Amino acid sequence: MDNKTYLPKVYDKLQQDGFELKVDKISGLDVSVAINKKFKLAWMATQMNIFVIVGSSDRISRNDIEVFSKNSLEYTIKNNQGLPRGVQSGVVSFSLLTSKSIDEDAKQFAKERPKKNFAAF
């Protein structure tokens, strides 16, 4: 499935789930950012501020994923509104980078466990 078919379906689903959509720039790429806040008592009465960041590139290497993921998390932390992280509040950053051409090392890296951060996922 190409981006012209796939991404509109992703954006429609995010909007159906109550996400606010906007356009911005991260790692030199034009990206779509979807933002939502979720609160659950099951999360020890914690609010999660969820950011879904979607970008597209002609080719993706392991380094591209690392840089995009790092910059997306920094963007999420910087643009988080509400209580500070760790005070019954956390941020979640889902970074989605699409391409028709993905290097093998990038595929392997994407299967690894993500790095841990304080009150940020």
N, C-alpha and C. Protein backbone atom coordinates (compact mmCIF):
# COMPACT_ATOMS: atom_id res chain seq x y z
N MET A 1 0.85 -1.17 0.00
CA MET A 1 0.00 0.00 0.00
C MET A 1 0.89 1.23 0.00
N ASP A 2 0.62 2.19 -0.85
CA ASP A 2 1.44 3.40 -0.92
C ASP A 2 0.93 4.45 0.08
N ASN A 3 1.75 5.51 0.28
CA ASN A 3 1.42 6.56 1.25
C ASN A 3 0.12 7.28 0.93
N LYS A 4 -0.20 7.44 -0.35
CA LYS A 4 -1.43 8.16 -0.73
C LYS A 4 -2.68 7.39 -0.32
N THR A 5 -2.54 6.09 -0.15
CA THR A 5 -3.66 5.26 0.30
C THR A 5 -3.60 5.04 1.81
N TYR A 6 -2.40 4.75 2.32
CA TYR A 6 -2.21 4.38 3.72
C TYR A 6 -2.39 5.56 4.68
N LEU A 7 -1.70 6.67 4.44
CA LEU A 7 -1.69 7.77 5.40
C LEU A 7 -3.06 8.39 5.62
N PRO A 8 -3.89 8.62 4.59
CA PRO A 8 -5.23 9.14 4.87
C PRO A 8 -6.05 8.23 5.79
N LYS A 9 -5.85 6.91 5.67
CA LYS A 9 -6.54 5.97 6.56
C LYS A 9 -6.05 6.14 8.01
N VAL A 10 -4.74 6.33 8.15
CA VAL A 10 -4.18 6.55 9.48
C VAL A 10 -4.75 7.83 10.09
N TYR A 11 -4.76 8.93 9.32
CA TYR A 11 -5.26 10.21 9.82
C TYR A 11 -6.74 10.14 10.16
N ASP A 12 -7.53 9.46 9.33
CA ASP A 12 -8.96 9.30 9.62
C ASP A 12 -9.17 8.55 10.93
N LYS A 13 -8.42 7.48 11.14
CA LYS A 13 -8.55 6.69 12.36
C LYS A 13 -8.15 7.52 13.58
N LEU A 14 -7.06 8.28 13.46
CA LEU A 14 -6.64 9.12 14.58
C LEU A 14 -7.72 10.15 14.92
N GLN A 15 -8.32 10.77 13.93
CA GLN A 15 -9.38 11.74 14.18
C GLN A 15 -10.59 11.07 14.81
N GLN A 16 -10.94 9.89 14.36
CA GLN A 16 -12.06 9.14 14.95
C GLN A 16 -11.79 8.84 16.43
N ASP A 17 -10.52 8.66 16.77
CA ASP A 17 -10.13 8.36 18.15
C ASP A 17 -9.91 9.62 18.99
N GLY A 18 -10.26 10.79 18.45
CA GLY A 18 -10.22 12.03 19.21
C GLY A 18 -8.90 12.79 19.17
N PHE A 19 -8.01 12.43 18.27
CA PHE A 19 -6.73 13.14 18.16
C PHE A 19 -6.91 14.44 17.38
N GLU A 20 -6.19 15.46 17.82
CA GLU A 20 -6.11 16.74 17.10
C GLU A 20 -4.93 16.63 16.15
N LEU A 21 -5.12 17.00 14.88
CA LEU A 21 -4.06 16.89 13.88
C LEU A 21 -3.51 18.26 13.53
N LYS A 22 -2.19 18.32 13.33
CA LYS A 22 -1.55 19.54 12.84
C LYS A 22 -0.32 19.14 12.04
N VAL A 23 0.23 20.11 11.31
CA VAL A 23 1.41 19.88 10.48
C VAL A 23 2.57 20.65 11.10
N ASP A 24 3.78 20.04 11.07
CA ASP A 24 4.97 20.69 11.60
C ASP A 24 6.19 20.14 10.86
N LYS A 25 7.37 20.46 11.36
CA LYS A 25 8.60 20.00 10.73
C LYS A 25 9.50 19.40 11.82
N ILE A 26 9.97 18.16 11.58
CA ILE A 26 10.88 17.47 12.50
C ILE A 26 11.95 16.78 11.66
N SER A 27 13.20 16.90 12.06
CA SER A 27 14.33 16.28 11.35
C SER A 27 14.35 16.67 9.88
N GLY A 28 13.93 17.88 9.58
CA GLY A 28 13.93 18.36 8.20
C GLY A 28 12.81 17.81 7.35
N LEU A 29 11.89 17.06 7.96
CA LEU A 29 10.77 16.47 7.23
C LEU A 29 9.47 17.17 7.61
N ASP A 30 8.59 17.36 6.64
CA ASP A 30 7.24 17.80 6.94
C ASP A 30 6.53 16.61 7.56
N VAL A 31 5.94 16.83 8.72
CA VAL A 31 5.29 15.74 9.45
C VAL A 31 3.86 16.13 9.83
N SER A 32 3.06 15.12 10.06
CA SER A 32 1.75 15.30 10.66
C SER A 32 1.87 14.89 12.11
N VAL A 33 1.29 15.70 12.98
CA VAL A 33 1.35 15.42 14.42
C VAL A 33 -0.08 15.28 14.93
N ALA A 34 -0.37 14.17 15.57
CA ALA A 34 -1.67 13.93 16.19
C ALA A 34 -1.47 13.93 17.70
N ILE A 35 -2.32 14.68 18.41
CA ILE A 35 -2.15 14.83 19.86
C ILE A 35 -3.47 14.49 20.56
N ASN A 36 -3.34 13.75 21.67
CA ASN A 36 -4.50 13.41 22.48
C ASN A 36 -4.04 13.21 23.92
N LYS A 37 -4.95 13.39 24.84
CA LYS A 37 -4.67 13.14 26.26
C LYS A 37 -5.60 12.04 26.74
N LYS A 38 -5.04 11.10 27.48
CA LYS A 38 -5.82 10.00 28.04
C LYS A 38 -5.53 9.91 29.54
N PHE A 39 -6.58 9.74 30.31
CA PHE A 39 -6.47 9.58 31.76
C PHE A 39 -7.14 8.28 32.15
N LYS A 40 -6.45 7.48 32.96
CA LYS A 40 -7.04 6.23 33.44
C LYS A 40 -6.64 6.00 34.89
N LEU A 41 -7.60 5.62 35.68
CA LEU A 41 -7.30 5.25 37.07
C LEU A 41 -6.38 4.04 37.10
N ALA A 42 -6.52 3.14 36.12
CA ALA A 42 -5.68 1.94 36.07
C ALA A 42 -4.20 2.29 35.88
N TRP A 43 -3.93 3.49 35.39
CA TRP A 43 -2.54 3.95 35.24
C TRP A 43 -2.10 4.69 36.50
N MET A 44 -2.63 4.31 37.66
CA MET A 44 -2.37 4.97 38.93
C MET A 44 -2.75 6.45 38.84
N ALA A 45 -3.95 6.71 38.27
CA ALA A 45 -4.51 8.06 38.13
C ALA A 45 -3.55 8.99 37.39
N THR A 46 -3.01 8.47 36.30
CA THR A 46 -2.04 9.23 35.52
C THR A 46 -2.63 9.64 34.18
N GLN A 47 -2.27 10.84 33.75
CA GLN A 47 -2.65 11.31 32.42
C GLN A 47 -1.50 11.09 31.47
N MET A 48 -1.78 10.48 30.34
CA MET A 48 -0.79 10.31 29.29
C MET A 48 -1.10 11.28 28.16
N ASN A 49 -0.10 12.04 27.78
CA ASN A 49 -0.21 12.96 26.66
C ASN A 49 0.44 12.26 25.47
N ILE A 50 -0.39 11.89 24.51
CA ILE A 50 0.03 11.02 23.41
C ILE A 50 0.25 11.85 22.14
N PHE A 51 1.43 11.67 21.56
CA PHE A 51 1.77 12.32 20.30
C PHE A 51 2.07 11.22 19.28
N VAL A 52 1.42 11.29 18.13
CA VAL A 52 1.72 10.39 17.02
C VAL A 52 2.30 11.27 15.93
N ILE A 53 3.55 10.99 15.56
CA ILE A 53 4.26 11.83 14.59
C ILE A 53 4.55 10.99 13.36
N VAL A 54 4.02 11.45 12.22
CA VAL A 54 4.11 10.69 10.97
C VAL A 54 4.90 11.49 9.95
N GLY A 55 5.98 10.89 9.46
CA GLY A 55 6.79 11.51 8.42
C GLY A 55 7.07 10.51 7.31
N SER A 56 7.54 11.02 6.19
CA SER A 56 7.85 10.16 5.05
C SER A 56 9.19 10.59 4.46
N SER A 57 9.96 9.59 4.00
CA SER A 57 11.27 9.85 3.43
C SER A 57 11.47 8.95 2.22
N ASP A 58 12.34 9.36 1.31
CA ASP A 58 12.61 8.55 0.12
C ASP A 58 13.29 7.23 0.48
N ARG A 59 14.17 7.28 1.47
CA ARG A 59 14.93 6.09 1.90
C ARG A 59 15.15 6.20 3.40
N ILE A 60 15.12 5.06 4.10
CA ILE A 60 15.29 5.07 5.55
C ILE A 60 16.44 4.15 5.94
N SER A 61 17.40 4.72 6.69
CA SER A 61 18.50 3.95 7.26
C SER A 61 18.30 3.87 8.78
N ARG A 62 19.13 3.08 9.42
CA ARG A 62 19.07 2.99 10.89
C ARG A 62 19.28 4.38 11.51
N ASN A 63 20.23 5.12 11.00
CA ASN A 63 20.50 6.46 11.52
C ASN A 63 19.27 7.36 11.35
N ASP A 64 18.58 7.25 10.22
CA ASP A 64 17.38 8.06 10.01
C ASP A 64 16.34 7.77 11.09
N ILE A 65 16.16 6.50 11.42
CA ILE A 65 15.20 6.12 12.45
C ILE A 65 15.63 6.67 13.81
N GLU A 66 16.90 6.51 14.15
CA GLU A 66 17.40 6.99 15.44
C GLU A 66 17.21 8.49 15.58
N VAL A 67 17.58 9.24 14.55
CA VAL A 67 17.47 10.70 14.59
C VAL A 67 16.00 11.13 14.64
N PHE A 68 15.16 10.53 13.78
CA PHE A 68 13.75 10.88 13.76
C PHE A 68 13.08 10.55 15.08
N SER A 69 13.38 9.39 15.64
CA SER A 69 12.80 9.00 16.91
C SER A 69 13.24 9.94 18.04
N LYS A 70 14.52 10.23 18.10
CA LYS A 70 15.06 11.14 19.13
C LYS A 70 14.43 12.53 19.00
N ASN A 71 14.39 13.06 17.79
CA ASN A 71 13.83 14.39 17.57
C ASN A 71 12.32 14.42 17.82
N SER A 72 11.64 13.33 17.50
CA SER A 72 10.20 13.25 17.77
C SER A 72 9.93 13.25 19.27
N LEU A 73 10.72 12.51 20.04
CA LEU A 73 10.56 12.50 21.49
C LEU A 73 10.86 13.88 22.07
N GLU A 74 11.91 14.54 21.60
CA GLU A 74 12.23 15.90 22.06
C GLU A 74 11.08 16.85 21.74
N TYR A 75 10.52 16.73 20.55
CA TYR A 75 9.37 17.55 20.14
C TYR A 75 8.20 17.30 21.09
N THR A 76 7.94 16.03 21.39
CA THR A 76 6.85 15.65 22.27
C THR A 76 7.04 16.28 23.66
N ILE A 77 8.23 16.15 24.21
CA ILE A 77 8.51 16.70 25.54
C ILE A 77 8.37 18.22 25.52
N LYS A 78 8.91 18.87 24.50
CA LYS A 78 8.85 20.34 24.39
C LYS A 78 7.42 20.85 24.23
N ASN A 79 6.59 20.12 23.50
CA ASN A 79 5.24 20.58 23.20
C ASN A 79 4.17 20.00 24.14
N ASN A 80 4.61 19.26 25.15
CA ASN A 80 3.69 18.71 26.14
C ASN A 80 3.09 19.85 26.96
N GLN A 81 1.78 19.80 27.16
CA GLN A 81 1.11 20.81 27.97
C GLN A 81 0.42 20.14 29.14
N GLY A 82 0.38 20.82 30.25
CA GLY A 82 -0.25 20.27 31.44
C GLY A 82 0.79 20.07 32.53
N LEU A 83 0.53 19.10 33.39
CA LEU A 83 1.44 18.83 34.50
C LEU A 83 2.82 18.40 33.98
N PRO A 84 3.88 18.70 34.73
CA PRO A 84 5.21 18.24 34.33
C PRO A 84 5.28 16.72 34.32
N ARG A 85 6.13 16.19 33.47
CA ARG A 85 6.32 14.74 33.40
C ARG A 85 6.71 14.20 34.77
N GLY A 86 6.12 13.09 35.12
CA GLY A 86 6.44 12.44 36.40
C GLY A 86 5.49 12.82 37.52
N VAL A 87 4.70 13.90 37.36
CA VAL A 87 3.74 14.33 38.36
C VAL A 87 2.35 13.88 37.90
N GLN A 88 2.09 12.58 38.05
CA GLN A 88 0.84 11.97 37.57
C GLN A 88 0.60 12.28 36.10
N SER A 89 1.71 12.43 35.37
CA SER A 89 1.62 12.76 33.95
C SER A 89 2.83 12.19 33.22
N GLY A 90 2.60 11.69 32.03
CA GLY A 90 3.69 11.19 31.20
C GLY A 90 3.41 11.53 29.75
N VAL A 91 4.41 11.38 28.92
CA VAL A 91 4.22 11.61 27.49
C VAL A 91 4.56 10.33 26.74
N VAL A 92 3.82 10.11 25.66
CA VAL A 92 4.05 8.97 24.79
C VAL A 92 4.26 9.51 23.39
N SER A 93 5.34 9.09 22.76
CA SER A 93 5.64 9.54 21.40
C SER A 93 5.71 8.31 20.49
N PHE A 94 4.75 8.21 19.58
CA PHE A 94 4.77 7.17 18.55
C PHE A 94 5.29 7.82 17.28
N SER A 95 6.45 7.41 16.85
CA SER A 95 7.05 7.96 15.63
C SER A 95 6.84 6.97 14.50
N LEU A 96 6.26 7.44 13.43
CA LEU A 96 6.02 6.59 12.26
C LEU A 96 6.71 7.24 11.07
N LEU A 97 7.72 6.56 10.55
CA LEU A 97 8.48 7.05 9.40
C LEU A 97 8.25 6.07 8.26
N THR A 98 7.68 6.55 7.16
CA THR A 98 7.34 5.67 6.04
C THR A 98 8.25 5.91 4.85
N SER A 99 8.41 4.86 4.04
CA SER A 99 9.23 4.95 2.84
C SER A 99 8.99 3.72 1.98
N LYS A 100 9.30 3.84 0.70
CA LYS A 100 9.27 2.68 -0.19
C LYS A 100 10.59 1.91 -0.10
N SER A 101 11.64 2.56 0.44
CA SER A 101 12.96 1.95 0.49
C SER A 101 13.51 2.01 1.92
N ILE A 102 13.62 0.82 2.55
CA ILE A 102 14.10 0.75 3.94
C ILE A 102 15.30 -0.19 3.99
N ASP A 103 16.44 0.32 4.49
CA ASP A 103 17.65 -0.49 4.60
C ASP A 103 17.43 -1.65 5.58
N GLU A 104 18.16 -2.74 5.37
CA GLU A 104 18.05 -3.91 6.24
C GLU A 104 18.42 -3.58 7.69
N ASP A 105 19.47 -2.74 7.89
CA ASP A 105 19.86 -2.39 9.25
C ASP A 105 18.75 -1.60 9.94
N ALA A 106 17.99 -0.83 9.18
CA ALA A 106 16.86 -0.08 9.74
C ALA A 106 15.76 -1.04 10.18
N LYS A 107 15.50 -2.06 9.39
CA LYS A 107 14.47 -3.05 9.75
C LYS A 107 14.85 -3.77 11.04
N GLN A 108 16.10 -4.16 11.17
CA GLN A 108 16.56 -4.84 12.38
C GLN A 108 16.47 -3.92 13.60
N PHE A 109 16.88 -2.68 13.43
CA PHE A 109 16.84 -1.71 14.53
C PHE A 109 15.40 -1.49 15.00
N ALA A 110 14.46 -1.44 14.07
CA ALA A 110 13.06 -1.20 14.42
C ALA A 110 12.48 -2.33 15.27
N LYS A 111 13.07 -3.50 15.23
CA LYS A 111 12.60 -4.65 16.00
C LYS A 111 13.15 -4.66 17.43
N GLU A 112 14.16 -3.81 17.71
CA GLU A 112 14.79 -3.78 19.03
C GLU A 112 13.91 -3.04 20.03
N ARG A 113 14.17 -3.28 21.31
CA ARG A 113 13.45 -2.59 22.39
C ARG A 113 13.89 -1.13 22.44
N PRO A 114 12.93 -0.20 22.57
CA PRO A 114 13.29 1.23 22.60
C PRO A 114 14.03 1.61 23.89
N LYS A 115 14.77 2.72 23.83
CA LYS A 115 15.47 3.23 25.00
C LYS A 115 14.45 3.76 26.01
N LYS A 116 14.80 3.68 27.29
CA LYS A 116 13.91 4.18 28.36
C LYS A 116 14.26 5.62 28.67
N ASN A 117 13.22 6.39 28.99
CA ASN A 117 13.36 7.80 29.38
C ASN A 117 12.46 8.05 30.57
N PHE A 118 12.76 9.07 31.37
CA PHE A 118 11.97 9.39 32.55
C PHE A 118 10.59 9.91 32.13
N ALA A 119 9.53 9.19 32.51
CA ALA A 119 8.13 9.56 32.27
C ALA A 119 7.87 9.92 30.81
N ALA A 120 8.62 9.31 29.91
CA ALA A 120 8.42 9.52 28.47
C ALA A 120 8.66 8.19 27.78
N PHE A 121 7.75 7.87 26.90
CA PHE A 121 7.81 6.58 26.24
C PHE A 121 7.80 6.76 24.73
